[in-house]
Amino acid sequence: MIQQNSDKQELLTFRETSEWIKVKVPTLRKWAAQRKMPTVRIGRGLRVPAKWVSEQIQAGYQPAVDAKEVGR
């Protein structure tokens, strides 16, 4: 689990982000180029805010449905 200090924002490399959400690095680079995700430039590299990744996971979360309820 990624921990965040209240005064610092955790920044992830594309590789770390890729491993966390199981999306290939080229896809992340494409999203960054299309401005579909926020990035922070550190020197020549780009980083992804961990908070954004976590928010995207939460936004896409769908609770399980009881199989008995599906057919109704």
C-alpha atoms as a PDB file:
ATOM      1  CA  MET A   1       0.000   0.000   0.000  1.00  0.00           C
ATOM      2  CA  ILE A   2       1.292   3.445  -0.822  1.00  0.00           C
ATOM      3  CA  GLN A   3       1.375   5.814   2.113  1.00  0.00           C
ATOM      4  CA  GLN A   4       1.127   9.559   1.782  1.00  0.00           C
ATOM      5  CA  ASN A   5       2.299  12.233   4.171  1.00  0.00           C
ATOM      6  CA  SER A   6      -0.131  15.085   4.659  1.00  0.00           C
ATOM      7  CA  ASP A   7       2.378  17.605   3.302  1.00  0.00           C
ATOM      8  CA  LYS A   8       3.820  15.466   0.487  1.00  0.00           C
ATOM      9  CA  GLN A   9       2.199  13.852  -2.492  1.00  0.00           C
ATOM     10  CA  GLU A  10       3.428  10.436  -3.544  1.00  0.00           C
ATOM     11  CA  LEU A  11       4.530  10.364  -7.177  1.00  0.00           C
ATOM     12  CA  LEU A  12       4.847   7.115  -9.097  1.00  0.00           C
ATOM     13  CA  THR A  13       6.931   6.225 -12.116  1.00  0.00           C
ATOM     14  CA  PHE A  14       5.109   4.860 -15.126  1.00  0.00           C
ATOM     15  CA  ARG A  15       6.482   1.409 -14.286  1.00  0.00           C
ATOM     16  CA  GLU A  16       5.156   1.593 -10.701  1.00  0.00           C
ATOM     17  CA  THR A  17       1.784   2.791 -11.974  1.00  0.00           C
ATOM     18  CA  SER A  18       1.748   0.016 -14.559  1.00  0.00           C
ATOM     19  CA  GLU A  19       2.415  -2.644 -11.937  1.00  0.00           C
ATOM     20  CA  TRP A  20      -0.249  -1.241  -9.605  1.00  0.00           C
ATOM     21  CA  ILE A  21      -3.139  -1.024 -12.090  1.00  0.00           C
ATOM     22  CA  LYS A  22      -1.993  -3.724 -14.546  1.00  0.00           C
ATOM     23  CA  VAL A  23      -1.889  -1.416 -17.565  1.00  0.00           C
ATOM     24  CA  LYS A  24       1.093  -1.469 -19.920  1.00  0.00           C
ATOM     25  CA  VAL A  25       3.565   1.421 -19.820  1.00  0.00           C
ATOM     26  CA  PRO A  26       2.943   2.398 -23.484  1.00  0.00           C
ATOM     27  CA  THR A  27      -0.747   2.790 -22.649  1.00  0.00           C
ATOM     28  CA  LEU A  28       0.140   5.091 -19.747  1.00  0.00           C
ATOM     29  CA  ARG A  29       2.391   7.135 -22.023  1.00  0.00           C
ATOM     30  CA  LYS A  30      -0.460   7.413 -24.537  1.00  0.00           C
ATOM     31  CA  TRP A  31      -2.863   8.572 -21.813  1.00  0.00           C
ATOM     32  CA  ALA A  32      -0.320  11.151 -20.663  1.00  0.00           C
ATOM     33  CA  ALA A  33       0.168  12.446 -24.221  1.00  0.00           C
ATOM     34  CA  GLN A  34      -3.612  12.680 -24.633  1.00  0.00           C
ATOM     35  CA  ARG A  35      -3.872  14.387 -21.234  1.00  0.00           C
ATOM     36  CA  LYS A  36      -6.227  11.698 -19.960  1.00  0.00           C
ATOM     37  CA  MET A  37      -4.253  11.496 -16.720  1.00  0.00           C
ATOM     38  CA  PRO A  38      -2.313  14.053 -14.720  1.00  0.00           C
ATOM     39  CA  THR A  39       1.471  13.956 -14.730  1.00  0.00           C
ATOM     40  CA  VAL A  40       4.245  15.866 -13.016  1.00  0.00           C
ATOM     41  CA  ARG A  41       7.517  16.527 -14.802  1.00  0.00           C
ATOM     42  CA  ILE A  42      10.584  15.795 -12.678  1.00  0.00           C
ATOM     43  CA  GLY A  43      13.648  16.634 -14.735  1.00  0.00           C
ATOM     44  CA  ARG A  44      13.209  14.753 -18.004  1.00  0.00           C
ATOM     45  CA  GLY A  45      10.825  12.170 -16.555  1.00  0.00           C
ATOM     46  CA  LEU A  46       7.126  12.145 -15.857  1.00  0.00           C
ATOM     47  CA  ARG A  47       5.486  10.933 -12.667  1.00  0.00           C
ATOM     48  CA  VAL A  48       1.885  10.064 -11.887  1.00  0.00           C
ATOM     49  CA  PRO A  49       0.236  11.233  -8.651  1.00  0.00           C
ATOM     50  CA  ALA A  50      -0.615   8.153  -6.558  1.00  0.00           C
ATOM     51  CA  LYS A  51      -3.711   9.943  -5.283  1.00  0.00           C
ATOM     52  CA  TRP A  52      -5.092  10.116  -8.844  1.00  0.00           C
ATOM     53  CA  VAL A  53      -4.500   6.381  -9.388  1.00  0.00           C
ATOM     54  CA  SER A  54      -6.236   5.572  -6.115  1.00  0.00           C
ATOM     55  CA  GLU A  55      -9.184   7.834  -7.004  1.00  0.00           C
ATOM     56  CA  GLN A  56      -9.542   6.121 -10.394  1.00  0.00           C
ATOM     57  CA  ILE A  57      -9.643   2.712  -8.725  1.00  0.00           C
ATOM     58  CA  GLN A  58     -12.310   3.916  -6.293  1.00  0.00           C
ATOM     59  CA  ALA A  59     -14.347   5.528  -9.080  1.00  0.00           C
ATOM     60  CA  GLY A  60     -14.379   2.278 -11.041  1.00  0.00           C
ATOM     61  CA  TYR A  61     -15.266   0.094  -8.075  1.00  0.00           C
ATOM     62  CA  GLN A  62     -18.494  -1.870  -8.439  1.00  0.00           C
ATOM     63  CA  PRO A  63     -19.737  -3.873  -5.459  1.00  0.00           C
ATOM     64  CA  ALA A  64     -20.489  -7.563  -5.950  1.00  0.00           C
ATOM     65  CA  VAL A  65     -24.077  -8.530  -6.626  1.00  0.00           C
ATOM     66  CA  ASP A  66     -25.685 -11.587  -5.085  1.00  0.00           C
ATOM     67  CA  ALA A  67     -26.275 -14.148  -7.855  1.00  0.00           C
ATOM     68  CA  LYS A  68     -29.848 -14.595  -6.600  1.00  0.00           C
ATOM     69  CA  GLU A  69     -30.529 -10.904  -7.269  1.00  0.00           C
ATOM     70  CA  VAL A  70     -29.195 -10.904 -10.848  1.00  0.00           C
ATOM     71  CA  GLY A  71     -32.118 -12.833 -12.332  1.00  0.00           C
ATOM     72  CA  ARG A  72     -34.813 -10.587 -10.857  1.00  0.00           C
END
